């Protein structure tokens, strides 16, 4: 055991003193605490159990102290993401089974506590990351370079691209070419070490669908250690949301099966629903882990960009790009020099004026050539009004058009969604489907409404209004193009894709417009009410008799379905 050295009050070095029993106990306690932290970090189940015990106030003092270690902040967030899904799943299964009201209440209380603990853990982790970012210091680039890059980004980007190509380096971005230089540096280092492992190379090179399938296997079958590799961890983080959506899709399908089953067969279907929640919990935890791994990767990238040899290489490239910029566009360079030369009276000049380039570049950006708009896509009738007139885009509706308003809502826990629509001629409809997001649910509602109107009205234009800008733009984009690859980008699940494929057969008769929602418009309010009713029906949260009464109430609000309704009224 090494001796502990003290310092005398007069500043002189004191003589060494032997370790006391208290010193030994403190050292042993520290070693035990370090070992406990390591065990919790390595054992996901033990960590989750410890976090839940602390949440319930029954955690041992030594374990509670270990959970305060900064290295466990990220793993705790991952563990609570997993526990949160399981807790909500237990509540849902209890609602669908024969469990007593008391048991259901206990599960709901537990789920709320887990959700609160998860929120607190997320806040603590974000605060820890913010402290780390605040402690970083990145060298400030020259003021001329920053002004030129901000005022004339395209010219500077081309100069940087030429410089990188001449050096045999990958193309960077105008803002941070060092990111690509880091990857180039790591790729060279990996090549020296024998290249990428074959499983990592397969993950890097496969298409998006195959990568998502790999994430689903990782959650449902066996954990894939190759996802942690620097080459694919960012792709893992990007695609984790899609994989989690498919997990929610399985929950939605299983919940539908439960409602369709007889009482005698329901228990087997409930087991399938429980399995789906188990998979979704793992997907949620792995998605959160992926984000943490990406943050760690970015930390290492930042460290790499601020140390040699990458830091020097990036600085050389930026300086050379600025020289190319000056040679290619001397008139622009002269303007930049004049602005920076006049910038003398600045309180932050000693620090390199780290924020002044924005104000200096602003006049140059504003005085740039006007955008003619010739290259912009003409959205035509799908454009969204910005002047506050909620009916501005409805003034040019065809006189003979069949018009309806569609709306949708999606379940927070599964992919189940409900949609509804109400038409000017008094027709209405609603139903349920599966959607990966509220935007996809709105698209499904638009398609269902349009297809219904197409069946009811021959040889007249069909116009569907929706209060979701995202959905309106997505459907309009699909209807305007003949490129089938647009559909997968707008719709993830097969239910929505099938509806869109059917709608494309009538693209020449269909328009989609935006209508501001929740402003008291009768058809919009009715569509919203039908969507909520459809979701409650498919999720079993309303009895059939009550659903029929609710449907009658909505129809009465529209005048019992008789007559027509002016969309601009």
Protein backbone atom coordinates (compact mmCIF):
# COMPACT_ATOMS: atom_id res chain seq x y z
CA UNK A 1 0.00 0.00 0.00
CA UNK A 2 1.60 3.36 -0.99
CA UNK A 3 2.18 5.98 1.64
CA UNK A 4 -0.01 9.08 1.73
CA UNK A 5 1.79 12.39 1.71
CA UNK A 6 0.48 15.51 3.44
CA UNK A 7 1.39 19.18 3.16
CA UNK A 8 2.38 21.28 6.19
CA UNK A 9 0.64 24.57 6.82
CA UNK A 10 3.82 26.48 6.03
CA UNK A 11 4.01 24.93 2.58
CA UNK A 12 6.87 22.57 3.34
CA UNK A 13 6.68 18.87 2.53
CA UNK A 14 5.76 16.78 5.59
CA UNK A 15 7.33 13.48 6.36
CA UNK A 16 5.64 10.33 5.13
CA UNK A 17 3.18 8.80 7.55
CA UNK A 18 2.02 5.20 7.64
CA UNK A 19 -1.40 4.24 6.38
CA UNK A 20 -3.99 4.00 9.15
CA UNK A 21 -6.77 1.44 9.43
CA UNK A 22 -9.18 4.19 8.41
CA UNK A 23 -7.14 4.82 5.25
CA UNK A 24 -7.17 1.12 4.45
CA UNK A 25 -10.92 0.92 4.99
CA UNK A 26 -11.52 3.91 2.72
CA UNK A 27 -9.32 2.42 0.01
CA UNK A 28 -11.05 -0.93 0.26
CA UNK A 29 -14.46 0.76 0.16
CA UNK A 30 -13.47 2.66 -2.96
CA UNK A 31 -12.26 -0.54 -4.61
CA UNK A 32 -15.50 -2.31 -3.70
CA UNK A 33 -17.54 0.60 -5.05
CA UNK A 34 -15.57 0.56 -8.31
CA UNK A 35 -16.11 -3.18 -8.65
CA UNK A 36 -19.84 -2.76 -7.96
CA UNK A 37 -20.12 -0.08 -10.65
CA UNK A 38 -18.32 -2.37 -13.09
CA UNK A 39 -20.66 -5.27 -12.32
CA UNK A 40 -23.75 -3.10 -12.81
CA UNK A 41 -22.39 -1.80 -16.10
CA UNK A 42 -21.79 -5.36 -17.34
CA UNK A 43 -25.06 -6.91 -16.11
CA UNK A 44 -28.14 -5.31 -17.70
CA UNK A 45 -30.64 -7.23 -15.55
CA UNK A 46 -28.83 -6.40 -12.30
CA UNK A 47 -28.65 -2.73 -13.27
CA UNK A 48 -32.35 -2.58 -14.16
CA UNK A 49 -33.33 -4.32 -10.92
CA UNK A 50 -31.18 -1.87 -8.95
CA UNK A 51 -32.70 1.15 -10.68
CA UNK A 52 -36.26 -0.09 -10.07
CA UNK A 53 -35.42 -0.85 -6.45
CA UNK A 54 -34.12 2.69 -6.02
CA UNK A 55 -37.29 3.99 -7.64
CA UNK A 56 -39.35 2.08 -5.06
CA UNK A 57 -37.16 3.16 -2.13
CA UNK A 58 -35.87 -0.32 -1.30
CA UNK A 59 -32.35 -0.10 -2.75
CA UNK A 60 -29.34 -1.03 -0.59
CA UNK A 61 -27.19 2.02 0.31
CA UNK A 62 -24.05 0.75 -1.43
CA UNK A 63 -25.94 0.03 -4.65
CA UNK A 64 -27.72 3.41 -4.50
CA UNK A 65 -24.33 5.09 -4.18
CA UNK A 66 -22.97 3.10 -7.11
CA UNK A 67 -25.91 4.19 -9.28
CA UNK A 68 -24.77 7.80 -8.85
CA UNK A 69 -21.55 7.07 -10.74
CA UNK A 70 -21.36 9.16 -13.92
CA UNK A 71 -20.41 6.15 -16.06
CA UNK A 72 -23.81 4.56 -15.36
CA UNK A 73 -25.92 7.55 -16.49
CA UNK A 74 -26.25 6.21 -20.05
CA UNK A 75 -26.86 2.54 -19.10
CA UNK A 76 -29.54 3.64 -16.61
CA UNK A 77 -31.38 5.46 -19.39
CA UNK A 78 -31.22 2.32 -21.53
CA UNK A 79 -32.51 0.14 -18.69
CA UNK A 80 -35.44 2.44 -17.99
CA UNK A 81 -36.35 2.64 -21.69
CA UNK A 82 -36.72 -1.16 -21.58
CA UNK A 83 -38.66 -1.11 -18.29
CA UNK A 84 -40.99 1.64 -19.51
CA UNK A 85 -42.24 -0.40 -22.47
CA UNK A 86 -42.67 -3.50 -20.34
CA UNK A 87 -44.62 -1.56 -17.70
CA UNK A 88 -47.00 -0.09 -20.28
CA UNK A 89 -47.36 -3.51 -21.87
CA UNK A 90 -48.32 -5.03 -18.53
CA UNK A 91 -51.04 -2.41 -18.12
CA UNK A 92 -52.43 -3.09 -21.59
CA UNK A 93 -52.46 -6.85 -21.10
CA UNK A 94 -54.21 -6.41 -17.76
CA UNK A 95 -56.88 -4.27 -19.45
CA UNK A 96 -57.50 -7.00 -22.03
CA UNK A 97 -57.51 -9.90 -19.57
CA UNK A 98 -59.57 -10.89 -16.56
CA UNK A 99 -57.31 -9.26 -13.95
CA UNK A 100 -59.00 -7.48 -11.06
CA UNK A 101 -59.41 -3.69 -10.92
CA UNK A 102 -57.01 -3.61 -7.97
CA UNK A 103 -54.28 -5.37 -9.95
CA UNK A 104 -54.80 -3.06 -12.92
CA UNK A 105 -54.51 -0.04 -10.63
CA UNK A 106 -51.26 -1.35 -9.15
CA UNK A 107 -49.78 -1.84 -12.63
CA UNK A 108 -50.82 1.66 -13.72
CA UNK A 109 -49.17 3.19 -10.65
CA UNK A 110 -45.98 1.25 -11.39
CA UNK A 111 -46.00 2.33 -15.04
CA UNK A 112 -46.35 5.99 -14.04
CA UNK A 113 -43.44 5.65 -11.61
CA UNK A 114 -41.26 4.05 -14.29
CA UNK A 115 -42.15 6.77 -16.80
CA UNK A 116 -41.27 9.45 -14.24
CA UNK A 117 -37.98 7.71 -13.39
CA UNK A 118 -37.15 7.47 -17.09
CA UNK A 119 -37.77 11.19 -17.58
CA UNK A 120 -35.54 12.02 -14.62
CA UNK A 121 -32.78 9.74 -15.90
CA UNK A 122 -32.96 11.32 -19.36
CA UNK A 123 -32.69 14.79 -17.82
CA UNK A 124 -29.68 13.74 -15.72
CA UNK A 125 -27.94 12.23 -18.74
CA UNK A 126 -28.56 15.33 -20.87
CA UNK A 127 -27.20 17.53 -18.08
CA UNK A 128 -24.08 15.38 -17.89
CA UNK A 129 -23.58 15.65 -21.66
CA UNK A 130 -24.10 19.42 -21.52
CA UNK A 131 -21.38 19.73 -18.87
CA UNK A 132 -18.99 17.77 -21.07
CA UNK A 133 -19.73 19.99 -24.06
CA UNK A 134 -19.25 23.12 -21.98
CA UNK A 135 -15.77 21.96 -21.02
CA UNK A 136 -14.60 21.60 -24.62
CA UNK A 137 -12.49 24.17 -26.37
CA UNK A 138 -12.23 24.17 -30.14
CA UNK A 139 -9.65 26.49 -31.69
CA UNK A 140 -11.34 29.46 -33.36
CA UNK A 141 -10.72 29.69 -37.10
CA UNK A 142 -9.69 32.97 -38.68
CA UNK A 143 -12.43 35.55 -39.00
CA UNK A 144 -11.88 35.86 -42.77
CA UNK A 145 -12.41 32.14 -43.28
CA UNK A 146 -15.61 32.07 -41.24
CA UNK A 147 -17.08 35.11 -42.99
CA UNK A 148 -16.24 33.73 -46.45
CA UNK A 149 -17.70 30.33 -45.60
CA UNK A 150 -20.94 31.80 -44.26
CA UNK A 151 -21.43 34.52 -46.88
CA UNK A 152 -20.49 32.45 -49.95
CA UNK A 153 -20.95 28.80 -48.94
CA UNK A 154 -21.17 27.37 -52.46
CA UNK A 155 -17.99 29.09 -53.66
CA UNK A 156 -16.08 28.04 -50.56
CA UNK A 157 -17.46 24.48 -50.76
CA UNK A 158 -16.20 24.11 -54.33
CA UNK A 159 -12.76 25.41 -53.31
CA UNK A 160 -12.65 22.92 -50.43
CA UNK A 161 -13.78 20.05 -52.66
CA UNK A 162 -11.01 20.81 -55.14
CA UNK A 163 -8.44 20.92 -52.37
CA UNK A 164 -9.56 17.59 -50.93
CA UNK A 165 -9.58 15.95 -54.35
CA UNK A 166 -6.07 17.17 -55.11
CA UNK A 167 -4.89 15.68 -51.81
CA UNK A 168 -6.67 12.39 -52.45
CA UNK A 169 -9.01 12.93 -49.50
CA UNK A 170 -12.78 12.43 -49.30
CA UNK A 171 -15.10 15.34 -50.04
CA UNK A 172 -16.02 17.28 -46.93
CA UNK A 173 -18.79 19.72 -46.15
CA UNK A 174 -18.37 23.50 -46.16
CA UNK A 175 -18.95 23.68 -42.40
CA UNK A 176 -16.84 20.81 -41.08
CA UNK A 177 -14.62 18.96 -43.53
CA UNK A 178 -12.74 17.47 -40.61
CA UNK A 179 -15.56 14.97 -40.03
CA UNK A 180 -14.82 13.25 -43.33
CA UNK A 181 -11.10 13.57 -42.71
CA UNK A 182 -11.54 11.67 -39.46
CA UNK A 183 -13.33 8.88 -41.29
CA UNK A 184 -10.60 8.81 -43.90
CA UNK A 185 -8.01 8.60 -41.11
CA UNK A 186 -9.88 5.76 -39.38
CA UNK A 187 -10.40 3.90 -42.64
CA UNK A 188 -6.67 4.01 -43.32
CA UNK A 189 -5.97 2.81 -39.79
CA UNK A 190 -8.46 -0.04 -40.22
CA UNK A 191 -6.86 -0.98 -43.54
CA UNK A 192 -3.46 -1.19 -41.87
CA UNK A 193 -4.97 -3.43 -39.21
CA UNK A 194 -6.35 -5.86 -41.78
CA UNK A 195 -9.54 -4.11 -42.88
CA UNK A 196 -13.10 -4.44 -41.62
CA UNK A 197 -14.47 -7.74 -40.29
CA UNK A 198 -16.74 -9.36 -42.85
CA UNK A 199 -19.93 -9.05 -40.69
CA UNK A 200 -19.26 -5.32 -40.29
CA UNK A 201 -18.69 -4.94 -44.02
CA UNK A 202 -22.01 -6.70 -44.70
CA UNK A 203 -23.85 -4.34 -42.35
CA UNK A 204 -22.19 -1.35 -43.97
CA UNK A 205 -23.00 -2.39 -47.54
CA UNK A 206 -26.50 -3.92 -47.27
CA UNK A 207 -29.63 -1.98 -48.24
CA UNK A 208 -31.92 -0.33 -45.69
CA UNK A 209 -34.45 -3.16 -45.56
CA UNK A 210 -31.75 -5.75 -44.87
CA UNK A 211 -30.21 -3.53 -42.19
CA UNK A 212 -33.56 -3.12 -40.41
CA UNK A 213 -34.04 -6.89 -40.54
CA UNK A 214 -30.62 -7.23 -38.88
CA UNK A 215 -31.79 -4.90 -36.11
CA UNK A 216 -34.96 -6.95 -35.62
CA UNK A 217 -32.91 -10.16 -35.36
CA UNK A 218 -30.62 -8.41 -32.89
CA UNK A 219 -33.62 -7.69 -30.65
CA UNK A 220 -35.61 -10.90 -31.12
CA UNK A 221 -32.99 -13.60 -31.55
CA UNK A 222 -29.43 -12.77 -30.56
CA UNK A 223 -27.56 -9.54 -29.84
CA UNK A 224 -25.28 -8.52 -32.68
CA UNK A 225 -21.93 -7.20 -31.33
CA UNK A 226 -20.92 -5.84 -34.75
CA UNK A 227 -23.48 -3.04 -34.48
CA UNK A 228 -21.10 -1.36 -32.03
CA UNK A 229 -18.44 -0.91 -34.71
CA UNK A 230 -17.66 2.72 -35.55
CA UNK A 231 -18.37 2.07 -39.22
CA UNK A 232 -22.05 1.18 -38.71
CA UNK A 233 -23.05 2.65 -35.33
CA UNK A 234 -24.44 5.85 -36.88
CA UNK A 235 -26.48 3.80 -39.37
CA UNK A 236 -27.72 1.72 -36.44
CA UNK A 237 -28.92 4.87 -34.69
CA UNK A 238 -30.68 6.17 -37.83
CA UNK A 239 -32.49 2.90 -38.56
CA UNK A 240 -33.32 2.03 -34.94
CA UNK A 241 -36.47 4.16 -35.14
CA UNK A 242 -37.69 2.13 -38.13
CA UNK A 243 -36.97 -1.14 -36.35
CA UNK A 244 -38.88 0.10 -33.30
CA UNK A 245 -41.81 1.01 -35.56
CA UNK A 246 -41.93 -2.61 -36.73
CA UNK A 247 -41.93 -3.65 -33.09
CA UNK A 248 -44.99 -1.48 -32.53
CA UNK A 249 -46.49 -2.99 -35.69
CA UNK A 250 -46.23 -6.46 -34.11
CA UNK A 251 -47.96 -5.14 -30.99
CA UNK A 252 -50.78 -3.71 -33.11
CA UNK A 253 -51.27 -6.96 -34.98
CA UNK A 254 -51.27 -8.98 -31.74
CA UNK A 255 -53.77 -6.61 -30.15
CA UNK A 256 -56.07 -6.96 -33.14
CA UNK A 257 -55.86 -10.74 -32.80
CA UNK A 258 -56.83 -10.50 -29.13
CA UNK A 259 -60.01 -8.58 -29.96
CA UNK A 260 -60.88 -10.95 -32.79
CA UNK A 261 -60.50 -14.06 -30.60
CA UNK A 262 -63.24 -15.68 -28.58
CA UNK A 263 -63.03 -15.59 -24.80
CA UNK A 264 -61.76 -19.18 -24.70
CA UNK A 265 -58.94 -18.48 -27.18
CA UNK A 266 -57.99 -15.02 -25.86
CA UNK A 267 -55.37 -16.22 -23.36
CA UNK A 268 -53.18 -17.67 -26.12
CA UNK A 269 -53.40 -14.40 -28.04
CA UNK A 270 -52.48 -12.48 -24.89
CA UNK A 271 -49.27 -14.50 -24.66
CA UNK A 272 -48.45 -13.42 -28.23
CA UNK A 273 -49.13 -9.78 -27.25
CA UNK A 274 -46.84 -10.13 -24.25
CA UNK A 275 -44.08 -11.49 -26.52
CA UNK A 276 -44.56 -8.52 -28.86
CA UNK A 277 -44.14 -6.10 -25.95
CA UNK A 278 -41.00 -7.97 -24.86
CA UNK A 279 -39.50 -7.50 -28.34
CA UNK A 280 -40.54 -3.84 -28.44
CA UNK A 281 -38.91 -3.26 -25.06
CA UNK A 282 -35.61 -4.64 -26.34
CA UNK A 283 -35.92 -2.54 -29.51
CA UNK A 284 -36.55 0.59 -27.41
CA UNK A 285 -33.53 -0.13 -25.22
CA UNK A 286 -31.27 -0.86 -28.19
CA UNK A 287 -32.47 2.30 -29.96
CA UNK A 288 -31.52 4.36 -26.91
CA UNK A 289 -28.21 2.53 -26.65
CA UNK A 290 -27.48 3.33 -30.30
CA UNK A 291 -27.96 7.04 -29.65
CA UNK A 292 -25.58 6.89 -26.70
CA UNK A 293 -23.00 4.99 -28.76
CA UNK A 294 -23.23 7.66 -31.47
CA UNK A 295 -22.67 10.37 -28.88
CA UNK A 296 -19.58 8.52 -27.69
CA UNK A 297 -18.40 8.18 -31.29
CA UNK A 298 -18.86 11.90 -31.83
CA UNK A 299 -16.85 12.59 -28.68
CA UNK A 300 -13.98 10.52 -30.04
CA UNK A 301 -14.30 12.18 -33.43
CA UNK A 302 -14.10 15.59 -31.76
CA UNK A 303 -10.99 14.50 -29.88
CA UNK A 304 -9.51 13.27 -33.15
CA UNK A 305 -10.22 16.54 -34.97
CA UNK A 306 -8.46 18.56 -32.27
CA UNK A 307 -5.29 16.44 -32.12
CA UNK A 308 -2.60 15.60 -34.63
CA UNK A 309 -2.34 14.51 -37.36
CA UNK A 310 -5.98 15.18 -38.27
CA UNK A 311 -6.17 18.62 -36.67
CA UNK A 312 -3.18 19.84 -38.65
CA UNK A 313 -4.44 18.28 -41.85
CA UNK A 314 -7.88 19.91 -41.46
CA UNK A 315 -6.29 23.30 -40.76
CA UNK A 316 -4.10 22.98 -43.85
CA UNK A 317 -7.13 22.10 -46.00
CA UNK A 318 -9.17 25.04 -44.72
CA UNK A 319 -6.32 27.49 -45.27
CA UNK A 320 -5.65 26.16 -48.77
CA UNK A 321 -9.36 26.27 -49.61
CA UNK A 322 -9.48 29.90 -48.57
CA UNK A 323 -6.54 30.64 -50.90
CA UNK A 324 -8.37 28.90 -53.74
CA UNK A 325 -11.48 30.93 -52.88
CA UNK A 326 -9.49 34.17 -53.13
CA UNK A 327 -7.89 33.18 -56.43
CA UNK A 328 -11.18 32.06 -58.01
CA UNK A 329 -13.32 35.02 -56.87
CA UNK A 330 -11.05 37.98 -56.06
CA UNK A 331 -13.98 40.42 -55.92
CA UNK A 332 -15.67 38.38 -53.20
CA UNK A 333 -12.42 37.97 -51.30
CA UNK A 334 -11.85 41.73 -51.41
CA UNK A 335 -15.29 42.30 -49.88
CA UNK A 336 -14.56 39.80 -47.10
CA UNK A 337 -11.22 41.47 -46.34
CA UNK A 338 -12.80 44.93 -46.19
CA UNK A 339 -15.43 43.77 -43.73
CA UNK A 340 -13.00 42.01 -41.42
CA UNK A 341 -10.50 44.88 -41.57
CA UNK A 342 -13.18 47.29 -40.36
CA UNK A 343 -14.04 44.98 -37.47
CA UNK A 344 -11.63 46.45 -34.91
CA UNK A 345 -13.65 47.64 -31.91
CA UNK A 346 -14.82 44.30 -30.55
CA UNK A 347 -14.74 43.19 -26.89
CA UNK A 348 -14.18 39.57 -27.99
CA UNK A 349 -11.25 40.31 -30.29
CA UNK A 350 -8.78 38.71 -27.88
CA UNK A 351 -10.71 35.43 -28.21
CA UNK A 352 -10.80 35.59 -32.02
CA UNK A 353 -14.32 37.06 -32.29
CA UNK A 354 -15.94 33.59 -32.13
CA UNK A 355 -19.47 34.81 -32.97
CA UNK A 356 -18.88 37.96 -35.02
CA UNK A 357 -18.81 36.26 -38.42
CA UNK A 358 -22.60 35.85 -38.42
CA UNK A 359 -23.26 39.59 -38.20
CA UNK A 360 -20.48 40.43 -40.66
CA UNK A 361 -21.71 37.93 -43.25
CA UNK A 362 -25.40 38.86 -42.91
CA UNK A 363 -25.29 41.91 -45.28
CA UNK A 364 -23.47 39.84 -47.91
CA UNK A 365 -26.03 37.07 -47.70
CA UNK A 366 -28.95 39.52 -47.93
CA UNK A 367 -27.44 41.32 -50.92
CA UNK A 368 -26.85 38.08 -52.84
CA UNK A 369 -28.56 37.36 -56.16
CA UNK A 370 -32.30 36.94 -55.87
CA UNK A 371 -33.65 33.44 -56.23
CA UNK A 372 -35.63 33.25 -59.43
CA UNK A 373 -37.42 30.13 -58.24
CA UNK A 374 -37.10 28.50 -61.66
CA UNK A 375 -35.59 25.36 -60.13
CA UNK A 376 -38.09 25.01 -57.32
CA UNK A 377 -40.82 22.41 -57.45
CA UNK A 378 -44.22 23.92 -58.12
CA UNK A 379 -46.45 22.50 -55.46
CA UNK A 380 -49.46 24.15 -57.04
CA UNK A 381 -52.61 23.62 -55.01
CA UNK A 382 -50.78 21.86 -52.19
CA UNK A 383 -49.01 25.05 -51.14
CA UNK A 384 -49.72 26.10 -47.55
CA UNK A 385 -50.98 29.68 -46.97
CA UNK A 386 -48.78 31.82 -44.76
CA UNK A 387 -51.03 34.89 -44.51
CA UNK A 388 -53.41 33.40 -41.97
CA UNK A 389 -56.27 32.86 -44.45
CA UNK A 390 -57.24 29.29 -43.73
CA UNK A 391 -59.29 29.06 -46.93
CA UNK A 392 -56.78 30.69 -49.26
CA UNK A 393 -55.99 27.42 -51.03
CA UNK A 394 -59.63 26.44 -51.37
CA UNK A 395 -60.78 29.34 -53.55
CA UNK A 396 -60.05 27.49 -56.79
CA UNK A 397 -61.82 24.20 -56.06
CA UNK A 398 -63.57 22.79 -59.15
CA UNK A 399 -67.29 23.52 -59.06
CA UNK A 400 -68.24 19.88 -59.62
CA UNK A 401 -65.65 18.40 -57.23
CA UNK A 402 -66.55 15.84 -54.60
CA UNK A 403 -64.93 17.21 -51.43
CA UNK A 404 -64.22 15.56 -48.08
CA UNK A 405 -62.13 16.25 -44.99
CA UNK A 406 -60.01 13.41 -43.57
CA UNK A 407 -58.30 13.03 -40.20
CA UNK A 408 -56.51 10.31 -38.25
CA UNK A 409 -55.05 9.48 -34.85
CA UNK A 410 -52.47 6.91 -33.80
CA UNK A 411 -51.99 4.85 -30.63
CA UNK A 412 -49.08 5.87 -28.39
CA UNK A 413 -48.07 2.30 -27.57
CA UNK A 414 -48.77 0.28 -30.70
CA UNK A 415 -49.06 0.96 -34.43
CA UNK A 416 -52.87 0.86 -34.32
CA UNK A 417 -54.46 3.95 -35.81
CA UNK A 418 -57.96 5.20 -36.51
CA UNK A 419 -59.08 7.39 -39.40
CA UNK A 420 -62.30 9.16 -40.32
CA UNK A 421 -63.70 11.39 -43.02
CA UNK A 422 -66.76 13.47 -43.75
CA UNK A 423 -67.85 14.73 -47.17
CA UNK A 424 -69.80 17.76 -48.39
CA UNK A 425 -72.58 15.51 -49.71
CA UNK A 426 -73.18 14.10 -46.23
CA UNK A 427 -71.28 10.84 -46.69
CA UNK A 428 -68.99 9.74 -43.84
CA UNK A 429 -66.70 6.86 -43.05
CA UNK A 430 -64.15 5.61 -40.56
CA UNK A 431 -61.91 2.63 -39.96
CA UNK A 432 -58.66 1.42 -38.47
CA UNK A 433 -55.27 0.39 -39.78
CA UNK A 434 -51.59 0.23 -38.78
CA UNK A 435 -49.25 3.22 -39.09
CA UNK A 436 -45.68 3.93 -38.03
CA UNK A 437 -46.41 7.59 -37.20
CA UNK A 438 -49.18 10.15 -37.06
CA UNK A 439 -48.13 11.32 -40.54
CA UNK A 440 -48.55 7.84 -41.98
CA UNK A 441 -51.95 7.53 -40.25
CA UNK A 442 -53.06 10.81 -41.85
CA UNK A 443 -51.97 9.53 -45.28
CA UNK A 444 -54.03 6.38 -44.74
CA UNK A 445 -57.05 8.54 -43.86
CA UNK A 446 -56.59 10.64 -47.00
CA UNK A 447 -56.36 7.55 -49.21
CA UNK A 448 -59.39 5.91 -47.60
CA UNK A 449 -61.50 9.05 -48.04
CA UNK A 450 -60.41 9.57 -51.65
CA UNK A 451 -61.07 5.95 -52.63
CA UNK A 452 -64.53 6.10 -51.06
CA UNK A 453 -65.41 9.28 -52.97
CA UNK A 454 -64.07 7.77 -56.20
CA UNK A 455 -66.46 4.83 -55.74
CA UNK A 456 -69.42 7.13 -55.06
CA UNK A 457 -68.78 9.70 -57.81
CA UNK A 458 -67.89 8.91 -61.42
CA UNK A 459 -66.06 11.28 -63.77
CA UNK A 460 -65.76 14.18 -61.31
CA UNK A 461 -62.67 15.52 -59.54
CA UNK A 462 -62.12 14.35 -55.99
CA UNK A 463 -60.59 16.72 -53.43
CA UNK A 464 -59.56 15.56 -49.96
CA UNK A 465 -58.67 18.13 -47.31
CA UNK A 466 -56.46 17.35 -44.33
CA UNK A 467 -55.00 19.42 -41.49
CA UNK A 468 -51.62 17.63 -41.64
CA UNK A 469 -49.16 19.57 -43.82
CA UNK A 470 -46.77 16.62 -43.81
CA UNK A 471 -49.41 14.19 -45.09
CA UNK A 472 -50.75 16.61 -47.73
CA UNK A 473 -47.29 17.22 -49.17
CA UNK A 474 -46.40 13.51 -49.10
CA UNK A 475 -49.56 12.36 -50.91
CA UNK A 476 -49.32 15.19 -53.44
CA UNK A 477 -45.71 14.29 -54.18
CA UNK A 478 -46.65 10.66 -54.78
CA UNK A 479 -49.56 11.61 -57.04
CA UNK A 480 -47.39 13.96 -59.13
CA UNK A 481 -44.55 11.53 -59.82
CA UNK A 482 -44.40 8.23 -61.66
CA UNK A 483 -41.45 7.08 -59.55
CA UNK A 484 -42.66 4.20 -57.37
CA UNK A 485 -39.74 4.57 -54.92
CA UNK A 486 -41.49 7.62 -53.46
CA UNK A 487 -44.13 5.41 -51.82
CA UNK A 488 -41.80 3.51 -49.44
CA UNK A 489 -40.40 6.82 -48.23
CA UNK A 490 -43.88 8.07 -47.33
CA UNK A 491 -45.36 4.79 -46.03
CA UNK A 492 -43.55 2.13 -44.04
CA UNK A 493 -46.23 -0.50 -43.52
CA UNK A 494 -47.99 -2.58 -46.22
CA UNK A 495 -51.52 -1.41 -45.29
CA UNK A 496 -50.81 2.17 -46.29
CA UNK A 497 -48.81 1.18 -49.37
CA UNK A 498 -51.69 -0.90 -50.72
CA UNK A 499 -54.12 2.01 -50.34
CA UNK A 500 -51.69 4.37 -52.07
CA UNK A 501 -51.18 1.95 -54.97
CA UNK A 502 -54.95 1.84 -55.48
CA UNK A 503 -55.18 5.63 -55.37
CA UNK A 504 -52.45 5.99 -57.99
CA UNK A 505 -54.76 4.36 -60.55
CA UNK A 506 -56.92 7.51 -60.31
CA UNK A 507 -54.18 10.12 -59.93
CA UNK A 508 -55.68 12.31 -62.68
CA UNK A 509 -58.90 12.77 -60.68
CA UNK A 510 -57.51 13.34 -57.17
CA UNK A 511 -56.24 16.47 -55.43
CA UNK A 512 -55.13 16.88 -51.83
CA UNK A 513 -55.32 20.22 -50.05
CA UNK A 514 -54.46 21.58 -46.63
CA UNK A 515 -57.15 22.83 -44.24
CA UNK A 516 -56.33 24.38 -40.90
CA UNK A 517 -57.56 22.04 -38.21
CA UNK A 518 -59.37 22.50 -34.91
CA UNK A 519 -60.87 25.87 -35.76
CA UNK A 520 -64.49 24.75 -35.48
CA UNK A 521 -65.03 23.54 -39.05
CA UNK A 522 -67.88 21.00 -38.99
CA UNK A 523 -66.41 18.47 -41.41
CA UNK A 524 -62.96 18.65 -39.83
CA UNK A 525 -64.39 18.19 -36.34
CA UNK A 526 -66.50 15.25 -37.53
CA UNK A 527 -63.50 13.57 -39.21
CA UNK A 528 -61.48 14.00 -36.03
CA UNK A 529 -64.28 12.52 -33.92
CA UNK A 530 -64.67 9.54 -36.26
CA UNK A 531 -60.90 8.90 -36.14
CA UNK A 532 -60.93 8.85 -32.33
CA UNK A 533 -63.94 6.54 -32.32
CA UNK A 534 -62.25 4.15 -34.75
CA UNK A 535 -59.13 3.95 -32.57
CA UNK A 536 -61.14 3.33 -29.42
CA UNK A 537 -63.10 0.58 -31.15
CA UNK A 538 -60.07 -1.29 -32.47
CA UNK A 539 -58.25 -1.01 -29.13
CA UNK A 540 -61.29 -2.21 -27.17
CA UNK A 541 -61.63 0.97 -25.14
CA UNK A 542 -65.30 1.46 -25.98
CA UNK A 543 -68.16 -1.03 -25.88
CA UNK A 544 -70.10 -1.71 -29.12
CA UNK A 545 -73.29 -0.11 -27.79
CA UNK A 546 -71.41 3.01 -26.69
CA UNK A 547 -69.66 3.15 -30.08
CA UNK A 548 -73.02 3.14 -31.87
CA UNK A 549 -74.27 5.97 -29.66
CA UNK A 550 -71.08 7.95 -30.35
CA UNK A 551 -71.48 7.44 -34.10
CA UNK A 552 -75.06 8.68 -33.91
CA UNK A 553 -73.96 11.76 -31.97
CA UNK A 554 -71.32 12.65 -34.59
CA UNK A 555 -73.83 12.26 -37.42
CA UNK A 556 -76.33 14.48 -35.62
CA UNK A 557 -73.67 17.16 -35.31
CA UNK A 558 -73.57 17.12 -39.13
CA UNK A 559 -77.33 17.44 -39.48
CA UNK A 560 -78.10 13.70 -39.49
CA UNK A 561 -76.08 13.25 -42.68
CA UNK A 562 -78.63 15.12 -44.78
CA UNK A 563 -77.83 17.88 -47.24
CA UNK A 564 -74.50 19.32 -48.32
CA UNK A 565 -71.87 21.30 -46.42
CA UNK A 566 -69.88 24.16 -47.89
CA UNK A 567 -66.19 23.65 -47.24
CA UNK A 568 -65.54 27.41 -47.22
CA UNK A 569 -68.45 28.26 -44.95
